[in-house]
N, C-alpha and C. Protein backbone atom coordinates (compact mmCIF):
# COMPACT_ATOMS: atom_id res chain seq x y z
N UNK A 1 87.69 154.12 120.23
CA UNK A 1 87.25 154.41 120.83
C UNK A 1 85.78 154.86 120.62
N UNK A 2 84.47 154.11 119.90
CA UNK A 2 83.37 154.30 119.58
C UNK A 2 82.82 153.24 120.87
N UNK A 3 83.08 152.91 121.62
CA UNK A 3 82.72 151.84 122.25
C UNK A 3 82.64 152.75 123.79
N UNK A 4 83.69 153.46 123.90
CA UNK A 4 83.49 154.52 125.10
C UNK A 4 83.08 155.54 124.82
N UNK A 5 82.47 156.73 126.38
CA UNK A 5 81.78 157.81 126.43
C UNK A 5 82.85 158.91 126.04
N UNK A 6 82.60 159.96 124.60
CA UNK A 6 83.25 161.34 124.35
C UNK A 6 82.58 162.41 125.67
N UNK A 7 83.89 162.95 126.06
CA UNK A 7 84.12 163.96 126.38
C UNK A 7 81.84 164.84 126.80
N UNK A 8 81.55 165.45 125.58
CA UNK A 8 80.41 165.42 125.02
C UNK A 8 79.68 164.59 126.35
N UNK A 9 79.39 163.42 125.71
CA UNK A 9 78.26 162.50 126.21
C UNK A 9 78.72 161.89 127.80
N UNK A 10 79.85 162.15 128.80
CA UNK A 10 79.91 162.45 129.80
C UNK A 10 79.74 163.46 130.54
N UNK A 11 80.31 164.75 129.88
CA UNK A 11 80.21 165.80 131.02
C UNK A 11 78.55 166.67 130.27
N UNK A 12 77.95 166.33 128.71
CA UNK A 12 77.01 167.19 128.72
C UNK A 12 76.20 166.18 127.96
N UNK A 13 75.29 165.20 128.61
CA UNK A 13 74.57 163.92 127.75
C UNK A 13 73.31 165.07 126.91
N UNK A 14 72.85 166.30 127.91
CA UNK A 14 71.88 167.08 126.99
C UNK A 14 71.96 168.23 126.60
N UNK A 15 73.49 168.09 126.53
CA UNK A 15 73.97 169.52 125.03
C UNK A 15 73.12 169.24 123.92
N UNK A 16 72.38 171.07 123.55
CA UNK A 16 71.49 171.20 122.58
C UNK A 16 72.47 171.28 121.35
N UNK A 17 74.22 172.13 121.25
CA UNK A 17 74.99 172.28 120.39
C UNK A 17 74.47 171.84 119.32
N UNK A 18 74.52 172.42 117.94
CA UNK A 18 74.14 172.12 116.53
C UNK A 18 75.66 171.47 116.72
N UNK A 19 76.53 171.82 116.93
CA UNK A 19 77.93 171.21 116.48
C UNK A 19 78.43 170.06 117.59
N UNK A 20 78.08 169.99 118.56
CA UNK A 20 79.05 168.99 119.50
C UNK A 20 77.69 168.42 120.43
N UNK A 21 75.76 169.24 120.78
CA UNK A 21 75.02 168.29 121.72
C UNK A 21 74.20 167.12 121.01
N UNK A 22 75.24 166.46 121.90
CA UNK A 22 74.42 164.52 122.02
C UNK A 22 72.96 164.88 121.89
N UNK A 23 72.37 165.80 122.51
CA UNK A 23 71.19 165.11 122.66
C UNK A 23 70.13 166.59 121.12
N UNK A 24 71.30 166.75 119.97
CA UNK A 24 70.89 167.72 119.21
C UNK A 24 70.69 166.05 118.30
N UNK A 25 69.63 165.78 117.68
CA UNK A 25 69.57 164.71 116.84
C UNK A 25 69.43 165.27 115.30
N UNK A 26 69.56 166.56 114.96
CA UNK A 26 69.85 167.05 113.94
C UNK A 26 71.42 168.32 113.42
N UNK A 27 71.40 167.83 114.90
CA UNK A 27 73.61 168.35 114.60
C UNK A 27 74.21 167.38 114.81
N UNK A 28 75.33 167.82 114.21
CA UNK A 28 76.89 167.41 113.98
C UNK A 28 76.91 166.30 115.06
N UNK A 29 76.75 166.53 116.14
CA UNK A 29 76.84 165.19 117.45
C UNK A 29 78.26 164.98 116.97
N UNK A 30 79.30 165.85 117.43
CA UNK A 30 80.65 165.36 117.34
C UNK A 30 81.28 164.82 119.08
N UNK A 31 81.92 163.80 118.63
CA UNK A 31 82.21 163.01 120.00
C UNK A 31 84.17 163.79 119.82
N UNK A 32 84.11 163.63 121.36
CA UNK A 32 85.38 164.51 121.15
C UNK A 32 86.48 163.00 121.90
N UNK A 33 86.94 162.96 122.32
CA UNK A 33 88.27 161.36 123.46
C UNK A 33 90.10 162.48 123.40
N UNK A 34 90.29 162.35 124.69
CA UNK A 34 91.20 162.68 124.68
C UNK A 34 92.52 161.30 124.37
N UNK A 35 93.79 162.14 123.82
CA UNK A 35 94.65 161.25 123.49
C UNK A 35 95.83 162.05 124.22
N UNK A 36 96.71 161.55 125.03
CA UNK A 36 97.52 162.22 125.98
C UNK A 36 97.31 164.09 125.64
N UNK A 37 98.24 164.88 124.93
CA UNK A 37 97.90 165.96 125.40
C UNK A 37 96.78 166.69 124.97
N UNK A 38 96.44 165.68 123.54
CA UNK A 38 95.20 166.30 122.80
C UNK A 38 93.87 166.11 122.14
N UNK A 39 93.17 166.58 121.80
CA UNK A 39 91.80 165.59 121.52
C UNK A 39 91.34 165.74 120.68
N UNK A 40 90.80 164.04 120.09
CA UNK A 40 90.39 164.07 118.94
C UNK A 40 89.38 163.18 118.46
N UNK A 41 88.68 163.47 117.54
CA UNK A 41 87.34 162.78 116.59
C UNK A 41 87.73 162.61 115.39
N UNK A 42 86.43 161.81 115.26
CA UNK A 42 86.73 161.96 114.01
C UNK A 42 84.79 161.61 113.62
N UNK A 43 84.81 162.05 111.72
CA UNK A 43 83.47 161.86 112.22
C UNK A 43 83.01 161.99 110.38
N UNK A 44 82.10 161.14 110.42
CA UNK A 44 81.86 161.05 108.65
C UNK A 44 80.47 162.42 107.97
N UNK A 45 80.93 163.22 107.30
CA UNK A 45 80.31 163.85 106.68
C UNK A 45 79.18 163.04 105.66
N UNK A 46 77.84 163.82 105.84
CA UNK A 46 76.96 162.96 105.49
C UNK A 46 76.48 164.44 103.22
N UNK A 47 76.16 164.18 102.71
CA UNK A 47 75.74 164.54 101.80
C UNK A 47 75.42 165.21 102.01
N UNK A 48 74.73 165.56 103.12
CA UNK A 48 74.16 167.00 103.09
C UNK A 48 74.87 168.03 103.09
N UNK A 49 75.77 167.74 104.11
CA UNK A 49 76.91 168.71 104.69
C UNK A 49 77.58 169.19 102.91
N UNK A 50 77.40 169.28 102.19
CA UNK A 50 78.34 169.36 100.90
C UNK A 50 78.36 170.45 100.70
N UNK A 51 78.86 171.31 100.18
CA UNK A 51 79.00 172.52 99.51
C UNK A 51 79.11 172.64 98.43
N UNK A 52 79.83 171.51 97.44
CA UNK A 52 79.95 171.53 96.34
C UNK A 52 80.14 169.23 95.86
N UNK A 53 79.34 168.73 95.40
CA UNK A 53 80.04 167.49 95.08
C UNK A 53 81.20 167.08 95.92
N UNK A 54 80.63 165.89 96.31
CA UNK A 54 81.82 165.18 97.92
C UNK A 54 82.67 166.71 98.14
N UNK A 55 82.64 167.71 98.91
CA UNK A 55 83.36 168.42 99.21
C UNK A 55 82.27 168.99 100.04
N UNK A 56 83.03 169.60 101.68
CA UNK A 56 82.68 169.47 102.87
C UNK A 56 82.46 171.40 103.16
N UNK A 57 81.28 171.70 102.95
CA UNK A 57 80.61 173.21 103.14
C UNK A 57 81.93 173.49 104.23
N UNK A 58 82.06 174.88 104.26
CA UNK A 58 82.97 175.30 105.24
C UNK A 58 82.37 175.48 106.36
N UNK A 59 80.94 176.12 106.42
CA UNK A 59 80.40 176.42 108.06
C UNK A 59 80.13 175.26 108.59
N UNK A 60 80.33 174.03 107.79
CA UNK A 60 80.76 173.17 108.59
C UNK A 60 81.80 172.61 108.90
N UNK A 61 83.11 172.62 108.29
CA UNK A 61 84.48 172.28 108.68
C UNK A 61 84.38 173.57 110.38
N UNK A 62 83.81 174.75 110.19
CA UNK A 62 84.02 175.87 110.74
C UNK A 62 83.58 175.08 112.17
N UNK A 63 82.07 175.22 112.30
CA UNK A 63 81.47 174.45 113.26
C UNK A 63 81.80 173.47 113.81
N UNK A 64 82.82 171.91 113.35
CA UNK A 64 83.05 171.15 113.89
C UNK A 64 85.05 171.73 114.38
N UNK A 65 85.37 171.99 113.80
CA UNK A 65 86.78 172.60 114.36
C UNK A 65 86.58 173.67 115.07
N UNK A 66 85.05 174.83 115.55
CA UNK A 66 85.11 175.09 116.94
C UNK A 66 84.44 174.72 117.97
N UNK A 67 83.78 173.67 117.74
CA UNK A 67 83.48 172.37 119.07
C UNK A 67 84.27 171.85 119.83
N UNK A 68 85.15 171.46 118.98
CA UNK A 68 85.52 170.05 118.59
C UNK A 68 87.71 170.24 120.25
N UNK A 69 87.81 172.38 119.57
CA UNK A 69 88.38 172.98 120.04
C UNK A 69 88.05 173.80 121.67
N UNK A 70 86.58 174.04 121.31
CA UNK A 70 86.50 174.08 122.50
C UNK A 70 85.73 173.54 123.78
N UNK A 71 86.29 171.86 123.03
CA UNK A 71 86.29 170.86 124.26
C UNK A 71 87.40 170.94 125.15
N UNK A 72 88.24 170.88 124.08
CA UNK A 72 89.64 170.82 123.82
C UNK A 72 89.90 171.83 125.15
N UNK A 73 89.60 173.31 125.56
CA UNK A 73 89.69 174.21 126.38
C UNK A 73 89.20 174.15 127.47
N UNK A 74 87.85 173.06 127.17
CA UNK A 74 86.90 173.20 128.74
C UNK A 74 87.61 171.94 129.72
N UNK A 75 87.80 170.56 128.75
CA UNK A 75 88.78 169.82 129.37
C UNK A 75 90.23 170.23 130.06
N UNK A 76 90.95 170.78 128.97
CA UNK A 76 92.32 171.68 129.48
C UNK A 76 92.26 172.89 130.92
N UNK A 77 90.64 173.52 131.29
CA UNK A 77 90.70 174.25 132.45
C UNK A 77 89.98 173.15 132.96
N UNK A 78 89.94 172.26 132.50
CA UNK A 78 88.79 171.63 134.34
C UNK A 78 90.58 170.90 135.00
N UNK A 79 91.63 169.71 133.91
CA UNK A 79 92.39 169.65 134.65
C UNK A 79 93.44 170.35 134.87
N UNK A 80 93.13 171.63 134.46
CA UNK A 80 94.75 172.89 135.22
C UNK A 80 93.81 173.20 136.98
N UNK A 81 92.54 173.01 136.74
CA UNK A 81 92.08 173.90 138.02
C UNK A 81 91.26 172.44 139.30
N UNK A 82 91.50 171.07 138.74
CA UNK A 82 91.73 169.74 139.08
C UNK A 82 90.17 170.14 139.72
N UNK A 83 89.14 169.94 139.12
CA UNK A 83 87.92 170.16 139.02
C UNK A 83 86.74 168.81 138.63
N UNK A 84 85.87 168.65 139.15
CA UNK A 84 85.22 166.77 138.46
C UNK A 84 84.39 167.06 137.01
N UNK A 85 84.18 168.40 137.01
CA UNK A 85 83.29 168.53 135.18
C UNK A 85 84.31 169.60 134.84
N UNK A 86 83.94 170.20 133.94
CA UNK A 86 84.75 171.13 132.82
C UNK A 86 83.83 172.19 132.62
N UNK A 87 84.83 173.56 133.00
CA UNK A 87 83.38 174.62 132.99
C UNK A 87 83.22 175.24 131.67
N UNK A 88 81.91 175.43 131.69
CA UNK A 88 81.28 175.89 130.24
C UNK A 88 82.17 176.26 129.68
N UNK A 89 82.41 176.82 128.37
CA UNK A 89 83.47 177.73 128.55
C UNK A 89 82.41 177.73 126.79
N UNK A 90 83.03 179.42 126.15
CA UNK A 90 81.94 179.95 125.14
C UNK A 90 83.52 180.56 124.57
N UNK A 91 83.15 180.40 123.26
CA UNK A 91 84.52 181.45 122.32
C UNK A 91 84.34 182.08 122.19
N UNK A 92 85.78 182.99 122.42
CA UNK A 92 85.44 184.15 122.69
C UNK A 92 85.79 185.06 120.53
N UNK A 93 87.16 184.07 119.79
CA UNK A 93 87.26 184.20 118.52
C UNK A 93 87.94 183.20 118.53
N UNK A 94 87.80 182.69 117.40
CA UNK A 94 88.52 182.17 115.81
C UNK A 94 88.92 181.71 114.81
N UNK A 95 89.83 181.14 114.30
CA UNK A 95 89.64 181.29 112.97
C UNK A 95 90.19 180.77 112.23
N UNK A 96 89.57 180.10 110.89
CA UNK A 96 89.83 179.11 110.15
C UNK A 96 90.51 178.66 109.01
N UNK A 97 91.90 178.22 108.31
CA UNK A 97 92.50 178.76 107.39
C UNK A 97 91.33 177.47 106.12
N UNK A 98 90.46 177.31 105.30
CA UNK A 98 90.44 176.70 104.39
C UNK A 98 92.08 176.16 104.08
N UNK A 99 92.28 174.48 103.63
CA UNK A 99 93.67 175.08 103.39
C UNK A 99 93.89 173.96 101.60
N UNK A 100 92.63 173.03 101.62
CA UNK A 100 92.16 173.38 100.37
C UNK A 100 91.03 172.09 100.56
N UNK A 101 90.18 171.93 99.34
CA UNK A 101 88.85 170.87 99.60
C UNK A 101 89.06 169.74 100.56
N UNK A 102 87.83 170.02 101.18
CA UNK A 102 87.31 168.62 102.32
C UNK A 102 86.89 167.53 101.53
N UNK A 103 87.46 166.13 101.29
CA UNK A 103 86.34 165.69 100.86
C UNK A 103 85.76 165.02 102.05
N UNK A 104 84.40 164.31 101.20
CA UNK A 104 83.59 163.76 102.61
C UNK A 104 83.34 162.00 102.10
N UNK A 105 83.84 162.28 101.18
CA UNK A 105 83.85 159.96 101.24
C UNK A 105 84.55 159.38 102.42
N UNK A 106 85.53 159.72 103.16
CA UNK A 106 85.85 159.06 103.96
C UNK A 106 85.76 159.56 105.09
N UNK A 107 86.03 158.84 106.88
CA UNK A 107 85.70 159.55 107.98
C UNK A 107 86.92 160.65 107.87
N UNK A 108 86.53 161.52 108.57
CA UNK A 108 87.87 162.81 109.04
C UNK A 108 88.16 162.87 109.82
N UNK A 109 89.15 163.66 110.46
CA UNK A 109 90.13 163.24 111.72
C UNK A 109 90.04 165.17 112.02
N UNK A 110 89.47 165.23 113.27
CA UNK A 110 89.75 166.04 114.25
C UNK A 110 91.29 166.05 115.10
N UNK A 111 91.92 167.38 115.34
CA UNK A 111 92.55 167.30 116.97
C UNK A 111 92.88 168.43 117.20
N UNK A 112 93.03 168.74 118.56
CA UNK A 112 92.84 169.47 118.62
C UNK A 112 93.92 169.77 120.03
N UNK A 113 94.94 170.57 120.79
CA UNK A 113 95.94 170.92 121.51
C UNK A 113 96.19 172.49 122.32
N UNK A 114 96.59 172.42 123.38
CA UNK A 114 96.56 174.07 123.43
C UNK A 114 97.40 174.51 123.98
N UNK A 115 97.40 175.43 123.86
CA UNK A 115 98.32 176.79 122.95
C UNK A 115 98.97 177.39 123.88
N UNK A 116 98.57 178.19 124.91
CA UNK A 116 98.32 178.69 125.53
C UNK A 116 96.97 178.70 126.80
N UNK A 117 97.23 179.02 128.56
CA UNK A 117 96.04 179.40 128.65
C UNK A 117 96.61 179.91 130.59
N UNK A 118 95.68 180.21 131.03
CA UNK A 118 95.76 180.96 132.62
C UNK A 118 93.91 180.31 132.74
N UNK A 119 93.70 181.04 134.22
CA UNK A 119 92.10 180.09 134.90
C UNK A 119 90.90 180.35 134.04
N UNK A 120 91.23 180.85 133.43
CA UNK A 120 89.87 181.05 132.75
C UNK A 120 89.88 180.98 131.15
N UNK A 121 90.70 180.81 130.23
CA UNK A 121 91.12 181.00 129.41
C UNK A 121 91.76 179.58 128.01
N UNK A 122 92.02 179.22 127.21
CA UNK A 122 93.05 178.86 126.82
C UNK A 122 93.04 178.97 125.29
N UNK A 123 93.64 178.79 124.69
CA UNK A 123 94.26 179.45 123.73
C UNK A 123 94.49 178.31 122.40
N UNK A 124 93.83 177.19 121.98
CA UNK A 124 93.70 176.45 121.44
C UNK A 124 93.86 176.45 119.50
N UNK A 125 94.46 175.28 119.25
CA UNK A 125 94.77 174.88 117.64
C UNK A 125 94.67 173.97 117.68
N UNK A 126 93.97 173.44 116.09
CA UNK A 126 93.08 172.35 116.06
C UNK A 126 93.42 172.13 113.85
N UNK A 127 92.76 170.95 113.85
CA UNK A 127 93.30 170.04 112.10
C UNK A 127 92.28 170.09 112.66
N UNK A 128 91.61 170.07 111.14
CA UNK A 128 90.32 169.59 110.05
C UNK A 128 91.30 167.91 109.21
N UNK A 129 91.65 166.97 108.98
CA UNK A 129 91.82 166.40 108.05
C UNK A 129 91.13 165.10 107.80
N UNK A 130 91.56 164.99 106.30
CA UNK A 130 90.78 163.76 105.19
C UNK A 130 91.73 162.91 104.65
N UNK A 131 91.73 161.99 104.61
CA UNK A 131 93.05 160.84 104.40
C UNK A 131 94.63 160.84 104.93
N UNK A 132 94.37 161.35 105.65
CA UNK A 132 95.92 161.74 106.71
C UNK A 132 96.26 163.11 105.78
N UNK A 133 96.22 164.00 105.40
CA UNK A 133 95.87 165.39 104.58
C UNK A 133 95.22 166.66 105.78
N UNK A 134 95.65 167.04 105.84
CA UNK A 134 95.46 168.52 106.66
C UNK A 134 94.67 169.46 105.83
N UNK A 135 92.62 169.60 105.78
CA UNK A 135 92.39 170.35 105.40
C UNK A 135 92.18 171.66 105.36
N UNK A 136 91.92 171.51 106.38
CA UNK A 136 91.51 172.86 107.39
C UNK A 136 92.52 173.13 109.06
N UNK A 137 93.04 174.29 109.26
CA UNK A 137 93.57 175.19 110.30
C UNK A 137 92.45 175.72 111.24
N UNK A 138 92.39 175.90 112.61
CA UNK A 138 91.39 176.71 113.36
C UNK A 138 93.18 176.73 114.39
N UNK A 139 92.78 178.05 115.08
CA UNK A 139 93.03 178.70 115.91
C UNK A 139 92.24 180.17 116.74
N UNK A 140 91.76 179.42 117.86
CA UNK A 140 90.89 180.21 118.89
C UNK A 140 91.20 180.56 120.47
N UNK A 141 90.48 181.37 121.37
CA UNK A 141 90.54 181.38 122.56
C UNK A 141 89.43 180.93 122.69
N UNK A 142 89.28 180.79 123.50
CA UNK A 142 87.56 180.14 124.47
C UNK A 142 88.13 180.32 126.12
N UNK A 143 86.53 180.38 126.49
CA UNK A 143 86.56 181.09 128.02
C UNK A 143 85.81 181.03 128.86
N UNK A 144 86.15 179.90 130.48
CA UNK A 144 85.35 179.64 131.42
C UNK A 144 84.28 180.79 131.46
N UNK A 145 82.78 180.69 131.09
CA UNK A 145 82.04 181.54 131.94
C UNK A 145 81.47 181.90 133.20
N UNK A 146 81.19 182.73 133.89
CA UNK A 146 80.56 182.60 134.79
C UNK A 146 78.97 183.01 135.42
N UNK A 147 78.47 182.57 136.58
CA UNK A 147 77.25 182.76 136.66
C UNK A 147 76.97 184.57 136.07
N UNK A 148 75.20 183.99 135.30
CA UNK A 148 74.61 184.98 134.38
C UNK A 148 74.60 184.96 133.73
N UNK A 149 75.96 184.37 133.32
CA UNK A 149 75.63 184.35 131.53
C UNK A 149 74.97 182.93 130.49
N UNK A 150 74.47 183.60 129.79
CA UNK A 150 73.30 182.43 129.02
C UNK A 150 74.14 180.91 128.81
N UNK A 151 75.05 180.63 128.86
CA UNK A 151 76.07 179.28 128.60
C UNK A 151 76.32 178.71 129.99
N UNK A 152 76.67 179.71 131.24
CA UNK A 152 76.66 178.85 131.92
C UNK A 152 76.12 177.88 132.46
N UNK A 153 76.57 176.54 133.32
CA UNK A 153 75.78 175.23 133.36
C UNK A 153 75.00 174.88 132.38
N UNK A 154 75.17 175.21 131.33
CA UNK A 154 74.81 174.60 130.28
C UNK A 154 75.51 172.35 129.72
N UNK A 155 76.42 173.26 130.88
CA UNK A 155 76.45 170.75 130.70
C UNK A 155 77.04 170.49 131.56
């Protein structure tokens, strides 16, 4: 996976989002890849991402899952509509459930999948795992924006 371009690098190389913008040198720079009907990513947290010694901050967990699930929605809507590029999507709502502390020693795995969708909206589920154990889950609704919205054509 590391030798190929992520969805973010392919469709939003100048993106500045804190969670997924390749051009944000201070951001998390999530790299999401299509794997069958899911989107997957690996993320190596750093000490600066800690809430307490060796454990990932909850806000960082939220950012990881929000951005990764948003890209799942964008990719899905692109495929559903036969577009050449994903529509710009934003988060309408999302819920994160912290199941247990997330250790930062080893790379973390993100997975996302579509639960249901329409032409402009997708409900997406996601997980964050450490060492093969799910430590947090996400469910969110992501919407393709129209002209006039500040995020329109952000990628």
